[in-house]
Protein backbone atom coordinates (compact mmCIF):
# COMPACT_ATOMS: atom_id res chain seq x y z
CA UNK A 1 -9.54 128.49 -86.52
CA UNK A 2 -12.12 125.78 -85.98
CA UNK A 3 -14.80 126.45 -88.60
CA UNK A 4 -17.46 124.80 -86.41
CA UNK A 5 -16.67 127.00 -83.37
CA UNK A 6 -18.99 129.95 -82.77
CA UNK A 7 -16.29 131.90 -80.90
CA UNK A 8 -13.81 131.39 -83.77
CA UNK A 9 -16.48 132.76 -86.12
CA UNK A 10 -17.02 135.79 -83.87
CA UNK A 11 -13.27 136.42 -83.52
CA UNK A 12 -12.80 136.25 -87.31
CA UNK A 13 -15.74 138.55 -88.03
CA UNK A 14 -17.78 135.82 -89.78
CA UNK A 15 -20.44 136.39 -87.11
CA UNK A 16 -20.93 140.08 -86.32
CA UNK A 17 -20.35 141.25 -82.76
CA UNK A 18 -19.67 144.55 -81.06
CA UNK A 19 -16.19 144.24 -79.61
CA UNK A 20 -15.42 145.94 -76.31
CA UNK A 21 -11.78 145.11 -77.00
CA UNK A 22 -9.89 143.89 -80.03
CA UNK A 23 -6.20 143.25 -80.60
CA UNK A 24 -4.10 140.69 -82.48
CA UNK A 25 -4.48 138.04 -79.75
CA UNK A 26 -7.77 138.71 -77.94
CA UNK A 27 -11.31 139.98 -78.50
CA UNK A 28 -14.04 140.79 -75.97
CA UNK A 29 -17.79 141.12 -76.42
CA UNK A 30 -20.99 141.02 -74.38
CA UNK A 31 -22.48 137.66 -73.39
CA UNK A 32 -25.79 136.95 -75.15
CA UNK A 33 -27.21 135.55 -71.89
CA UNK A 34 -25.88 138.00 -69.28
CA UNK A 35 -25.80 136.89 -65.65
CA UNK A 36 -24.95 140.36 -64.31
CA UNK A 37 -25.42 143.95 -65.50
CA UNK A 38 -21.93 143.68 -67.02
CA UNK A 39 -21.15 140.25 -68.49
CA UNK A 40 -18.31 140.23 -70.99
CA UNK A 41 -16.58 137.30 -72.68
CA UNK A 42 -12.86 137.64 -73.38
CA UNK A 43 -11.50 135.07 -75.83
CA UNK A 44 -8.24 134.34 -77.60
CA UNK A 45 -8.41 134.60 -81.39
CA UNK A 46 -6.58 131.28 -81.56
CA UNK A 47 -8.81 128.26 -81.01
CA UNK A 48 -7.82 126.83 -77.63
CA UNK A 49 -10.41 124.31 -76.44
CA UNK A 50 -10.09 124.99 -72.70
CA UNK A 51 -7.72 125.99 -69.95
CA UNK A 52 -6.89 122.29 -69.56
CA UNK A 53 -5.66 122.12 -73.15
CA UNK A 54 -3.52 125.28 -72.92
CA UNK A 55 0.22 124.71 -73.12
CA UNK A 56 3.31 126.68 -72.17
CA UNK A 57 3.04 128.19 -75.64
CA UNK A 58 -0.19 129.86 -74.54
CA UNK A 59 1.31 131.61 -71.51
CA UNK A 60 1.34 135.05 -73.13
CA UNK A 61 -2.27 134.90 -74.34
CA UNK A 62 -3.46 133.58 -70.96
CA UNK A 63 -1.96 136.63 -69.28
CA UNK A 64 -3.40 138.87 -71.97
CA UNK A 65 -6.92 137.53 -71.32
CA UNK A 66 -6.71 138.58 -67.67
CA UNK A 67 -5.13 141.97 -68.38
CA UNK A 68 -7.89 142.74 -70.88
CA UNK A 69 -10.49 141.70 -68.29
CA UNK A 70 -9.00 144.18 -65.81
CA UNK A 71 -8.89 146.94 -68.44
CA UNK A 72 -12.53 146.38 -69.39
CA UNK A 73 -13.59 146.30 -65.71
CA UNK A 74 -11.92 149.69 -65.28
CA UNK A 75 -13.75 151.10 -68.32
CA UNK A 76 -17.06 149.71 -67.05
CA UNK A 77 -16.51 151.37 -63.67
CA UNK A 78 -16.62 148.19 -61.59
CA UNK A 79 -13.03 148.08 -60.35
CA UNK A 80 -13.76 149.77 -57.02
CA UNK A 81 -17.00 147.89 -56.28
CA UNK A 82 -15.57 144.60 -57.49
CA UNK A 83 -16.07 142.07 -60.24
CA UNK A 84 -15.54 138.39 -60.90
CA UNK A 85 -13.55 136.59 -63.58
CA UNK A 86 -14.46 132.98 -64.30
CA UNK A 87 -12.97 130.33 -66.57
CA UNK A 88 -15.21 127.28 -66.83
CA UNK A 89 -13.28 124.17 -67.85
CA UNK A 90 -14.95 121.01 -69.08
CA UNK A 91 -18.57 119.89 -68.80
CA UNK A 92 -18.58 119.53 -65.00
CA UNK A 93 -16.97 122.97 -64.73
CA UNK A 94 -19.87 124.49 -66.68
CA UNK A 95 -18.08 125.00 -69.99
CA UNK A 96 -20.67 125.02 -72.79
CA UNK A 97 -18.60 126.53 -75.63
CA UNK A 98 -15.37 124.65 -76.12
CA UNK A 99 -13.18 127.62 -76.93
CA UNK A 100 -11.28 129.04 -73.96
CA UNK A 101 -12.97 132.16 -72.61
CA UNK A 102 -12.96 134.34 -69.52
CA UNK A 103 -16.26 135.63 -68.14
CA UNK A 104 -16.10 139.11 -66.59
CA UNK A 105 -19.13 139.74 -64.37
CA UNK A 106 -19.86 142.92 -62.44
CA UNK A 107 -22.35 145.61 -61.65
CA UNK A 108 -24.09 143.80 -58.78
CA UNK A 109 -23.09 141.87 -55.65
CA UNK A 110 -22.08 138.33 -56.58
CA UNK A 111 -22.77 135.50 -54.13
CA UNK A 112 -20.31 132.83 -53.09
CA UNK A 113 -20.15 129.99 -53.66
CA UNK A 114 -21.32 130.21 -57.26
CA UNK A 115 -23.93 127.80 -58.59
């Protein structure tokens, strides 16, 4: 855990959040600045700075992040209409919190290309 990381604090319970999913490896919660009717962040409990810093040792948790995204999309009822998963990596990729996270966006048509 990185004690200066807001997502580590959320995952550990030091900052309260309503989890949409919680297991030993991953937690999911609503984005505080939603960009769609459904905007969920799925994060590993372990502090991994970004996708670029993930190693072969993170393979299982990387897969878990995406499976949890699909499970939450199903629960939210957006599987049939469609949803988007996004992993921003680095400043030019739009990453603003340097703890690996997957954005799940759904509930409205999403344009392409993204901003």
